[in-house]
Amino acid sequence: MAKIKIVTDGSADIPAELARDLGIEVVPLLIHADDKIYRAGVDISDEYLYEVLMSGHQRFKVSSPSPAIFEQLYRRMVGDYDYVYSIHLSNHLGNIYGNAVQARSKVPASTTRIELVNSKSASAGLGSIVLAAANAARDGATPDEVSLLINAMVRHTHVCFFVDTMEHLESAGRLTITGSVLGSMQRIKPLMILDEGEIVPYERTRTRAKAIEGLFTFVEDFPRVQEVIALFATTPEDVEKLLEKVEPIFPREKVQIARFGPSIAAHLGSGAMGVMVFEGFEE
């Protein structure tokens, strides 16, 4: 049986214990704070970063692991595994995937095949794809089966979210929105989706209550729903409002609840909420 390794990055928001249990290699994002550089989840805690986010008095900057970090990792895996699937944040949302591609080009040819995957997603969307691949590999799936599963998961995993203010996304430079449209969105709480890995407007809502209603509508619009994850940054109390709305169409006890990792929340702002939907595969 082929030895398969799954690699991802910190933007997948996978709990560390779960990653360890499944043997997933998570390359941490880098946090710039207090004139120092830390590895998120390794040198600096999520709790501290959330305190910084919620204080509103100071900010931290998030950057991608360098090509050198990925190259070192891939070289270490050469010979130990037959296949390495390195699944990463959408290339439209950062340069993690590009750095991984650059690193792979410097790794000498060997019997280890390194497959790079642009998830076209982030946070729980990326995490769901990675977890599905890791579970399949653990259960004895062949490399071809893992490849097919990853590609299918990318197509059928969807993310919708809203933010309290566009300030954080705008400053991160990740919006493919014209200036005039962006200006009109500053006064509302717009719902946005990841479309082929890009952040695009989905629905205009003026209040937080309407935005939460919009998340429910996003879920409701899928003819098949196999998995739902409710996401929040700093407002867990609002998750209950979403669960109440979703319950008639999807059992609330099956809805997973997860927190945006601080590296993602830093780009969304403290009041962000979202939902991940996996629609399943057609039979």
C-alpha atoms as a PDB file:
ATOM      1  CA  MET A   1       0.000   0.000   0.000  1.00  0.00           C
ATOM      2  CA  ALA A   2       1.314   3.436  -0.957  1.00  0.00           C
ATOM      3  CA  LYS A   3       2.509   5.670   1.878  1.00  0.00           C
ATOM      4  CA  ILE A   4       0.569   8.946   1.591  1.00  0.00           C
ATOM      5  CA  LYS A   5       1.161  12.195   3.494  1.00  0.00           C
ATOM      6  CA  ILE A   6      -1.225  15.145   3.632  1.00  0.00           C
ATOM      7  CA  VAL A   7       0.214  18.649   4.046  1.00  0.00           C
ATOM      8  CA  THR A   8      -1.660  21.924   4.508  1.00  0.00           C
ATOM      9  CA  ASP A   9      -1.134  25.361   6.041  1.00  0.00           C
ATOM     10  CA  GLY A  10      -2.433  27.172   9.096  1.00  0.00           C
ATOM     11  CA  SER A  11      -5.267  28.862   7.206  1.00  0.00           C
ATOM     12  CA  ALA A  12      -7.111  25.498   7.202  1.00  0.00           C
ATOM     13  CA  ASP A  13      -8.091  26.134  10.853  1.00  0.00           C
ATOM     14  CA  ILE A  14      -7.752  22.446  11.770  1.00  0.00           C
ATOM     15  CA  PRO A  15      -7.479  21.801  15.531  1.00  0.00           C
ATOM     16  CA  ALA A  16      -3.919  20.763  16.382  1.00  0.00           C
ATOM     17  CA  GLU A  17      -4.994  17.570  18.152  1.00  0.00           C
ATOM     18  CA  LEU A  18      -7.055  16.445  15.148  1.00  0.00           C
ATOM     19  CA  ALA A  19      -4.171  17.167  12.787  1.00  0.00           C
ATOM     20  CA  ARG A  20      -1.860  15.078  14.973  1.00  0.00           C
ATOM     21  CA  ASP A  21      -4.330  12.190  15.144  1.00  0.00           C
ATOM     22  CA  LEU A  22      -4.601  12.074  11.345  1.00  0.00           C
ATOM     23  CA  GLY A  23      -0.916  12.690  10.687  1.00  0.00           C
ATOM     24  CA  ILE A  24      -1.545  15.950   8.836  1.00  0.00           C
ATOM     25  CA  GLU A  25       1.492  18.206   8.494  1.00  0.00           C
ATOM     26  CA  VAL A  26       0.344  21.795   9.098  1.00  0.00           C
ATOM     27  CA  VAL A  27       2.774  24.516   8.023  1.00  0.00           C
ATOM     28  CA  PRO A  28       2.116  27.438  10.390  1.00  0.00           C
ATOM     29  CA  LEU A  29       1.463  30.955   9.155  1.00  0.00           C
ATOM     30  CA  LEU A  30       3.736  33.701  10.428  1.00  0.00           C
ATOM     31  CA  ILE A  31       2.563  36.395  12.835  1.00  0.00           C
ATOM     32  CA  HIS A  32       4.299  39.771  12.987  1.00  0.00           C
ATOM     33  CA  ALA A  33       3.627  41.364  16.370  1.00  0.00           C
ATOM     34  CA  ASP A  34       5.631  43.434  18.853  1.00  0.00           C
ATOM     35  CA  ASP A  35       8.429  43.733  16.281  1.00  0.00           C
ATOM     36  CA  LYS A  36       8.892  39.968  16.346  1.00  0.00           C
ATOM     37  CA  ILE A  37       7.896  37.074  14.086  1.00  0.00           C
ATOM     38  CA  TYR A  38       6.052  34.117  15.560  1.00  0.00           C
ATOM     39  CA  ARG A  39       4.724  30.848  14.152  1.00  0.00           C
ATOM     40  CA  ALA A  40       0.963  30.865  14.673  1.00  0.00           C
ATOM     41  CA  GLY A  41      -0.142  28.133  17.056  1.00  0.00           C
ATOM     42  CA  VAL A  42       3.477  27.265  17.883  1.00  0.00           C
ATOM     43  CA  ASP A  43       5.265  30.307  19.317  1.00  0.00           C
ATOM     44  CA  ILE A  44       2.167  32.367  20.078  1.00  0.00           C
ATOM     45  CA  SER A  45      -1.254  31.220  21.262  1.00  0.00           C
ATOM     46  CA  ASP A  46      -4.574  31.705  19.521  1.00  0.00           C
ATOM     47  CA  GLU A  47      -5.971  33.085  22.777  1.00  0.00           C
ATOM     48  CA  TYR A  48      -3.416  35.893  22.841  1.00  0.00           C
ATOM     49  CA  LEU A  49      -4.054  36.786  19.212  1.00  0.00           C
ATOM     50  CA  TYR A  50      -7.806  36.943  19.831  1.00  0.00           C
ATOM     51  CA  GLU A  51      -7.204  39.267  22.771  1.00  0.00           C
ATOM     52  CA  VAL A  52      -5.281  41.537  20.418  1.00  0.00           C
ATOM     53  CA  LEU A  53      -8.082  41.386  17.836  1.00  0.00           C
ATOM     54  CA  MET A  54     -10.803  42.179  20.342  1.00  0.00           C
ATOM     55  CA  SER A  55      -8.884  44.998  22.015  1.00  0.00           C
ATOM     56  CA  GLY A  56      -8.987  47.053  18.829  1.00  0.00           C
ATOM     57  CA  HIS A  57      -5.938  49.005  20.020  1.00  0.00           C
ATOM     58  CA  GLN A  58      -3.267  47.101  18.163  1.00  0.00           C
ATOM     59  CA  ARG A  59      -3.030  44.733  15.247  1.00  0.00           C
ATOM     60  CA  PHE A  60      -0.811  41.971  14.073  1.00  0.00           C
ATOM     61  CA  LYS A  61       0.210  41.134  10.540  1.00  0.00           C
ATOM     62  CA  VAL A  62      -0.048  37.672   9.015  1.00  0.00           C
ATOM     63  CA  SER A  63       2.369  36.435   6.353  1.00  0.00           C
ATOM     64  CA  SER A  64       2.851  33.218   4.416  1.00  0.00           C
ATOM     65  CA  PRO A  65       5.462  30.542   5.051  1.00  0.00           C
ATOM     66  CA  SER A  66       8.389  31.175   2.689  1.00  0.00           C
ATOM     67  CA  PRO A  67       9.347  28.920  -0.222  1.00  0.00           C
ATOM     68  CA  ALA A  68      12.387  27.883   1.825  1.00  0.00           C
ATOM     69  CA  ILE A  69      10.149  26.532   4.594  1.00  0.00           C
ATOM     70  CA  PHE A  70       8.192  24.424   2.108  1.00  0.00           C
ATOM     71  CA  GLU A  71      11.365  23.257   0.363  1.00  0.00           C
ATOM     72  CA  GLN A  72      12.849  22.093   3.644  1.00  0.00           C
ATOM     73  CA  LEU A  73       9.631  20.231   4.460  1.00  0.00           C
ATOM     74  CA  TYR A  74       9.395  18.533   1.054  1.00  0.00           C
ATOM     75  CA  ARG A  75      13.045  17.502   1.112  1.00  0.00           C
ATOM     76  CA  ARG A  76      12.483  15.929   4.526  1.00  0.00           C
ATOM     77  CA  MET A  77       9.580  13.891   3.169  1.00  0.00           C
ATOM     78  CA  VAL A  78      11.373  12.632   0.058  1.00  0.00           C
ATOM     79  CA  GLY A  79      11.958   8.921   0.420  1.00  0.00           C
ATOM     80  CA  ASP A  80       9.669   8.552   3.427  1.00  0.00           C
ATOM     81  CA  TYR A  81       6.428   8.747   1.425  1.00  0.00           C
ATOM     82  CA  ASP A  82       5.280   7.627  -2.009  1.00  0.00           C
ATOM     83  CA  TYR A  83       2.819  10.513  -2.417  1.00  0.00           C
ATOM     84  CA  VAL A  84       2.578  13.900  -0.730  1.00  0.00           C
ATOM     85  CA  TYR A  85      -0.617  15.912  -1.262  1.00  0.00           C
ATOM     86  CA  SER A  86       0.043  19.533  -0.306  1.00  0.00           C
ATOM     87  CA  ILE A  87      -3.342  21.298  -0.131  1.00  0.00           C
ATOM     88  CA  HIS A  88      -3.406  25.042   0.418  1.00  0.00           C
ATOM     89  CA  LEU A  89      -5.276  28.321   0.731  1.00  0.00           C
ATOM     90  CA  SER A  90      -6.754  29.716  -2.495  1.00  0.00           C
ATOM     91  CA  ASN A  91      -4.067  31.346  -4.596  1.00  0.00           C
ATOM     92  CA  HIS A  92      -6.326  34.429  -4.850  1.00  0.00           C
ATOM     93  CA  LEU A  93      -6.158  34.955  -1.090  1.00  0.00           C
ATOM     94  CA  GLY A  94      -2.413  34.812  -0.554  1.00  0.00           C
ATOM     95  CA  ASN A  95       0.885  33.516  -1.885  1.00  0.00           C
ATOM     96  CA  ILE A  96       1.051  30.279   0.126  1.00  0.00           C
ATOM     97  CA  TYR A  97       0.219  28.095  -2.871  1.00  0.00           C
ATOM     98  CA  GLY A  98       2.683  29.993  -5.064  1.00  0.00           C
ATOM     99  CA  ASN A  99       5.419  29.577  -2.476  1.00  0.00           C
ATOM    100  CA  ALA A 100       4.733  25.838  -2.329  1.00  0.00           C
ATOM    101  CA  VAL A 101       4.931  25.597  -6.126  1.00  0.00           C
ATOM    102  CA  GLN A 102       8.242  27.451  -6.107  1.00  0.00           C
ATOM    103  CA  ALA A 103       9.577  25.137  -3.407  1.00  0.00           C
ATOM    104  CA  ARG A 104       8.594  21.959  -5.214  1.00  0.00           C
ATOM    105  CA  SER A 105      10.475  23.082  -8.320  1.00  0.00           C
ATOM    106  CA  LYS A 106      13.693  23.035  -6.282  1.00  0.00           C
ATOM    107  CA  VAL A 107      13.249  19.536  -4.869  1.00  0.00           C
ATOM    108  CA  PRO A 108      15.276  16.916  -6.801  1.00  0.00           C
ATOM    109  CA  ALA A 109      13.355  14.278  -8.715  1.00  0.00           C
ATOM    110  CA  SER A 110      12.711  11.169  -6.663  1.00  0.00           C
ATOM    111  CA  THR A 111      10.283   8.321  -6.187  1.00  0.00           C
ATOM    112  CA  THR A 112       8.194  10.595  -3.920  1.00  0.00           C
ATOM    113  CA  ARG A 113       5.493  12.358  -5.910  1.00  0.00           C
ATOM    114  CA  ILE A 114       4.517  15.766  -4.532  1.00  0.00           C
ATOM    115  CA  GLU A 115       1.074  16.913  -5.699  1.00  0.00           C
ATOM    116  CA  LEU A 116       0.144  20.551  -5.046  1.00  0.00           C
ATOM    117  CA  VAL A 117      -3.524  21.479  -4.734  1.00  0.00           C
ATOM    118  CA  ASN A 118      -5.076  24.948  -4.895  1.00  0.00           C
ATOM    119  CA  SER A 119      -8.124  24.419  -2.677  1.00  0.00           C
ATOM    120  CA  LYS A 120      -9.882  27.555  -3.983  1.00  0.00           C
ATOM    121  CA  SER A 121     -11.048  27.895  -0.394  1.00  0.00           C
ATOM    122  CA  ALA A 122     -10.037  28.928   3.124  1.00  0.00           C
ATOM    123  CA  SER A 123     -10.683  28.182   6.792  1.00  0.00           C
ATOM    124  CA  ALA A 124     -13.230  25.385   7.271  1.00  0.00           C
ATOM    125  CA  GLY A 125     -13.603  25.018   3.495  1.00  0.00           C
ATOM    126  CA  LEU A 126      -9.921  24.186   3.129  1.00  0.00           C
ATOM    127  CA  GLY A 127      -9.997  22.214   6.366  1.00  0.00           C
ATOM    128  CA  SER A 128     -12.834  19.980   5.172  1.00  0.00           C
ATOM    129  CA  ILE A 129     -10.952  19.106   1.992  1.00  0.00           C
ATOM    130  CA  VAL A 130      -7.779  18.319   3.950  1.00  0.00           C
ATOM    131  CA  LEU A 131      -9.607  16.204   6.537  1.00  0.00           C
ATOM    132  CA  ALA A 132     -11.405  14.207   3.855  1.00  0.00           C
ATOM    133  CA  ALA A 133      -8.085  13.462   2.132  1.00  0.00           C
ATOM    134  CA  ALA A 134      -6.389  12.499   5.405  1.00  0.00           C
ATOM    135  CA  ASN A 135      -9.225  10.191   6.438  1.00  0.00           C
ATOM    136  CA  ALA A 136      -9.218   8.519   3.039  1.00  0.00           C
ATOM    137  CA  ALA A 137      -5.444   7.988   3.163  1.00  0.00           C
ATOM    138  CA  ARG A 138      -5.689   6.562   6.681  1.00  0.00           C
ATOM    139  CA  ASP A 139      -8.437   4.176   5.569  1.00  0.00           C
ATOM    140  CA  GLY A 140      -6.281   2.745   2.792  1.00  0.00           C
ATOM    141  CA  ALA A 141      -7.385   4.708  -0.281  1.00  0.00           C
ATOM    142  CA  THR A 142      -5.081   4.510  -3.293  1.00  0.00           C
ATOM    143  CA  PRO A 143      -3.295   7.641  -4.551  1.00  0.00           C
ATOM    144  CA  ASP A 144      -5.704   7.839  -7.491  1.00  0.00           C
ATOM    145  CA  GLU A 145      -8.681   7.620  -5.147  1.00  0.00           C
ATOM    146  CA  VAL A 146      -7.255  10.354  -2.918  1.00  0.00           C
ATOM    147  CA  SER A 147      -6.657  12.587  -5.966  1.00  0.00           C
ATOM    148  CA  LEU A 148     -10.207  12.093  -7.220  1.00  0.00           C
ATOM    149  CA  LEU A 149     -11.636  12.777  -3.761  1.00  0.00           C
ATOM    150  CA  ILE A 150      -9.635  15.999  -3.331  1.00  0.00           C
ATOM    151  CA  ASN A 151     -10.718  17.328  -6.723  1.00  0.00           C
ATOM    152  CA  ALA A 152     -14.359  16.468  -6.017  1.00  0.00           C
ATOM    153  CA  MET A 153     -14.211  18.101  -2.578  1.00  0.00           C
ATOM    154  CA  VAL A 154     -12.802  21.303  -4.111  1.00  0.00           C
ATOM    155  CA  ARG A 155     -15.790  21.455  -6.495  1.00  0.00           C
ATOM    156  CA  HIS A 156     -18.448  20.709  -3.886  1.00  0.00           C
ATOM    157  CA  THR A 157     -17.245  22.692  -0.857  1.00  0.00           C
ATOM    158  CA  HIS A 158     -18.598  26.237  -0.506  1.00  0.00           C
ATOM    159  CA  VAL A 159     -18.022  29.137   1.880  1.00  0.00           C
ATOM    160  CA  CYS A 160     -20.137  32.231   2.582  1.00  0.00           C
ATOM    161  CA  PHE A 161     -19.352  34.883   5.198  1.00  0.00           C
ATOM    162  CA  PHE A 162     -19.947  38.450   6.296  1.00  0.00           C
ATOM    163  CA  VAL A 163     -17.866  41.053   8.120  1.00  0.00           C
ATOM    164  CA  ASP A 164     -18.732  43.973  10.364  1.00  0.00           C
ATOM    165  CA  THR A 165     -16.505  46.289   8.367  1.00  0.00           C
ATOM    166  CA  MET A 166     -14.717  46.029   5.023  1.00  0.00           C
ATOM    167  CA  GLU A 167     -11.653  47.725   6.505  1.00  0.00           C
ATOM    168  CA  HIS A 168      -9.666  44.566   7.217  1.00  0.00           C
ATOM    169  CA  LEU A 169     -10.323  42.883   3.861  1.00  0.00           C
ATOM    170  CA  GLU A 170      -9.613  46.096   1.990  1.00  0.00           C
ATOM    171  CA  SER A 171      -6.303  46.647   3.765  1.00  0.00           C
ATOM    172  CA  ALA A 172      -5.297  43.047   3.046  1.00  0.00           C
ATOM    173  CA  GLY A 173      -5.760  43.713  -0.669  1.00  0.00           C
ATOM    174  CA  ARG A 174      -7.756  40.527  -1.251  1.00  0.00           C
ATOM    175  CA  LEU A 175     -10.901  42.064  -2.761  1.00  0.00           C
ATOM    176  CA  THR A 176     -11.539  41.916  -6.488  1.00  0.00           C
ATOM    177  CA  ILE A 177     -14.169  44.643  -6.235  1.00  0.00           C
ATOM    178  CA  THR A 178     -14.210  48.006  -7.993  1.00  0.00           C
ATOM    179  CA  GLY A 179     -13.719  51.109  -5.887  1.00  0.00           C
ATOM    180  CA  SER A 180     -17.261  52.386  -6.496  1.00  0.00           C
ATOM    181  CA  VAL A 181     -18.832  49.090  -5.413  1.00  0.00           C
ATOM    182  CA  LEU A 182     -16.521  48.867  -2.421  1.00  0.00           C
ATOM    183  CA  GLY A 183     -17.517  52.367  -1.339  1.00  0.00           C
ATOM    184  CA  SER A 184     -21.206  51.469  -1.386  1.00  0.00           C
ATOM    185  CA  MET A 185     -20.477  48.342   0.665  1.00  0.00           C
ATOM    186  CA  GLN A 186     -18.857  50.272   3.501  1.00  0.00           C
ATOM    187  CA  ARG A 187     -22.253  51.198   4.933  1.00  0.00           C
ATOM    188  CA  ILE A 188     -23.698  47.668   4.940  1.00  0.00           C
ATOM    189  CA  LYS A 189     -22.811  44.173   6.154  1.00  0.00           C
ATOM    190  CA  PRO A 190     -22.325  42.451   2.799  1.00  0.00           C
ATOM    191  CA  LEU A 191     -22.432  38.700   2.405  1.00  0.00           C
ATOM    192  CA  MET A 192     -19.538  37.378   0.335  1.00  0.00           C
ATOM    193  CA  ILE A 193     -18.693  33.992  -1.104  1.00  0.00           C
ATOM    194  CA  LEU A 194     -15.580  32.291  -2.381  1.00  0.00           C
ATOM    195  CA  ASP A 195     -16.122  31.814  -6.104  1.00  0.00           C
ATOM    196  CA  GLU A 196     -13.300  29.830  -7.705  1.00  0.00           C
ATOM    197  CA  GLY A 197     -11.195  30.999  -4.790  1.00  0.00           C
ATOM    198  CA  GLU A 198     -11.969  34.708  -5.153  1.00  0.00           C
ATOM    199  CA  ILE A 199     -13.977  36.815  -2.716  1.00  0.00           C
ATOM    200  CA  VAL A 200     -17.034  38.166  -4.531  1.00  0.00           C
ATOM    201  CA  PRO A 201     -20.229  39.894  -3.289  1.00  0.00           C
ATOM    202  CA  TYR A 202     -23.184  37.569  -2.760  1.00  0.00           C
ATOM    203  CA  GLU A 203     -25.934  39.627  -1.129  1.00  0.00           C
ATOM    204  CA  ARG A 204     -26.316  43.120   0.331  1.00  0.00           C
ATOM    205  CA  THR A 205     -27.608  43.182   3.891  1.00  0.00           C
ATOM    206  CA  ARG A 206     -27.823  46.224   6.152  1.00  0.00           C
ATOM    207  CA  THR A 207     -28.061  44.648   9.591  1.00  0.00           C
ATOM    208  CA  ARG A 208     -26.373  41.791  11.399  1.00  0.00           C
ATOM    209  CA  ALA A 209     -29.702  39.989  11.740  1.00  0.00           C
ATOM    210  CA  LYS A 210     -30.247  40.155   7.984  1.00  0.00           C
ATOM    211  CA  ALA A 211     -26.688  38.957   7.375  1.00  0.00           C
ATOM    212  CA  ILE A 212     -27.300  35.894   9.562  1.00  0.00           C
ATOM    213  CA  GLU A 213     -30.535  35.318   7.637  1.00  0.00           C
ATOM    214  CA  GLY A 214     -28.442  35.486   4.468  1.00  0.00           C
ATOM    215  CA  LEU A 215     -26.139  32.724   5.731  1.00  0.00           C
ATOM    216  CA  PHE A 216     -29.201  30.540   6.214  1.00  0.00           C
ATOM    217  CA  THR A 217     -30.423  31.367   2.702  1.00  0.00           C
ATOM    218  CA  PHE A 218     -27.034  30.341   1.331  1.00  0.00           C
ATOM    219  CA  VAL A 219     -27.405  26.915   2.959  1.00  0.00           C
ATOM    220  CA  GLU A 220     -31.037  26.600   1.888  1.00  0.00           C
ATOM    221  CA  ASP A 221     -30.213  27.215  -1.772  1.00  0.00           C
ATOM    222  CA  PHE A 222     -28.345  23.903  -2.107  1.00  0.00           C
ATOM    223  CA  PRO A 223     -30.566  20.998  -3.211  1.00  0.00           C
ATOM    224  CA  ARG A 224     -28.328  18.588  -1.283  1.00  0.00           C
ATOM    225  CA  VAL A 225     -26.475  19.361   1.931  1.00  0.00           C
ATOM    226  CA  GLN A 226     -24.241  16.760   3.553  1.00  0.00           C
ATOM    227  CA  GLU A 227     -22.228  18.881   5.967  1.00  0.00           C
ATOM    228  CA  VAL A 228     -22.614  22.341   7.514  1.00  0.00           C
ATOM    229  CA  ILE A 229     -20.092  24.209   9.646  1.00  0.00           C
ATOM    230  CA  ALA A 230     -21.100  27.458  11.356  1.00  0.00           C
ATOM    231  CA  LEU A 231     -18.135  29.802  11.717  1.00  0.00           C
ATOM    232  CA  PHE A 232     -17.573  32.739  14.039  1.00  0.00           C
ATOM    233  CA  ALA A 233     -14.705  34.970  15.104  1.00  0.00           C
ATOM    234  CA  THR A 234     -15.661  36.635  18.399  1.00  0.00           C
ATOM    235  CA  THR A 235     -19.461  36.302  18.650  1.00  0.00           C
ATOM    236  CA  PRO A 236     -20.365  32.704  19.607  1.00  0.00           C
ATOM    237  CA  GLU A 237     -23.714  33.948  20.886  1.00  0.00           C
ATOM    238  CA  ASP A 238     -24.815  34.640  17.295  1.00  0.00           C
ATOM    239  CA  VAL A 239     -24.265  31.021  16.242  1.00  0.00           C
ATOM    240  CA  GLU A 240     -27.452  30.000  18.076  1.00  0.00           C
ATOM    241  CA  LYS A 241     -29.451  32.425  15.915  1.00  0.00           C
ATOM    242  CA  LEU A 242     -28.112  30.738  12.793  1.00  0.00           C
ATOM    243  CA  LEU A 243     -28.798  27.237  14.142  1.00  0.00           C
ATOM    244  CA  GLU A 244     -32.427  28.147  14.840  1.00  0.00           C
ATOM    245  CA  LYS A 245     -32.888  29.199  11.224  1.00  0.00           C
ATOM    246  CA  VAL A 246     -31.057  26.197   9.749  1.00  0.00           C
ATOM    247  CA  GLU A 247     -32.849  23.568  11.849  1.00  0.00           C
ATOM    248  CA  PRO A 248     -35.907  23.145   9.552  1.00  0.00           C
ATOM    249  CA  ILE A 249     -33.674  22.143   6.620  1.00  0.00           C
ATOM    250  CA  PHE A 250     -30.666  20.521   8.322  1.00  0.00           C
ATOM    251  CA  PRO A 251     -30.562  18.895  11.793  1.00  0.00           C
ATOM    252  CA  ARG A 252     -28.955  21.372  14.165  1.00  0.00           C
ATOM    253  CA  GLU A 253     -27.205  18.583  16.088  1.00  0.00           C
ATOM    254  CA  LYS A 254     -25.301  17.765  12.888  1.00  0.00           C
ATOM    255  CA  VAL A 255     -24.123  21.354  12.365  1.00  0.00           C
ATOM    256  CA  GLN A 256     -20.514  21.677  13.427  1.00  0.00           C
ATOM    257  CA  ILE A 257     -19.446  24.889  15.151  1.00  0.00           C
ATOM    258  CA  ALA A 258     -15.952  26.235  14.605  1.00  0.00           C
ATOM    259  CA  ARG A 259     -14.039  29.413  15.218  1.00  0.00           C
ATOM    260  CA  PHE A 260     -12.131  31.190  12.496  1.00  0.00           C
ATOM    261  CA  GLY A 261      -8.463  30.857  13.342  1.00  0.00           C
ATOM    262  CA  PRO A 262      -6.925  34.190  14.362  1.00  0.00           C
ATOM    263  CA  SER A 263      -4.883  34.289  11.136  1.00  0.00           C
ATOM    264  CA  ILE A 264      -8.124  34.282   9.130  1.00  0.00           C
ATOM    265  CA  ALA A 265      -9.998  36.487  11.609  1.00  0.00           C
ATOM    266  CA  ALA A 266      -7.274  39.116  11.291  1.00  0.00           C
ATOM    267  CA  HIS A 267      -8.344  39.608   7.660  1.00  0.00           C
ATOM    268  CA  LEU A 268     -12.069  39.555   8.416  1.00  0.00           C
ATOM    269  CA  GLY A 269     -12.364  41.530  11.644  1.00  0.00           C
ATOM    270  CA  SER A 270     -13.643  40.574  15.064  1.00  0.00           C
ATOM    271  CA  GLY A 271     -17.367  40.328  14.279  1.00  0.00           C
ATOM    272  CA  ALA A 272     -17.118  38.065  11.217  1.00  0.00           C
ATOM    273  CA  MET A 273     -19.381  35.043  10.781  1.00  0.00           C
ATOM    274  CA  GLY A 274     -19.679  32.468   8.057  1.00  0.00           C
ATOM    275  CA  VAL A 275     -20.863  29.060   6.994  1.00  0.00           C
ATOM    276  CA  MET A 276     -19.256  26.186   5.110  1.00  0.00           C
ATOM    277  CA  VAL A 277     -21.455  23.846   3.092  1.00  0.00           C
ATOM    278  CA  PHE A 278     -20.388  20.524   1.634  1.00  0.00           C
ATOM    279  CA  GLU A 279     -23.138  19.521  -0.773  1.00  0.00           C
ATOM    280  CA  GLY A 280     -22.027  15.913  -1.163  1.00  0.00           C
ATOM    281  CA  PHE A 281     -21.484  14.068  -4.412  1.00  0.00           C
ATOM    282  CA  GLU A 282     -24.148  13.210  -6.953  1.00  0.00           C
ATOM    283  CA  GLU A 283     -25.128   9.576  -6.884  1.00  0.00           C
END
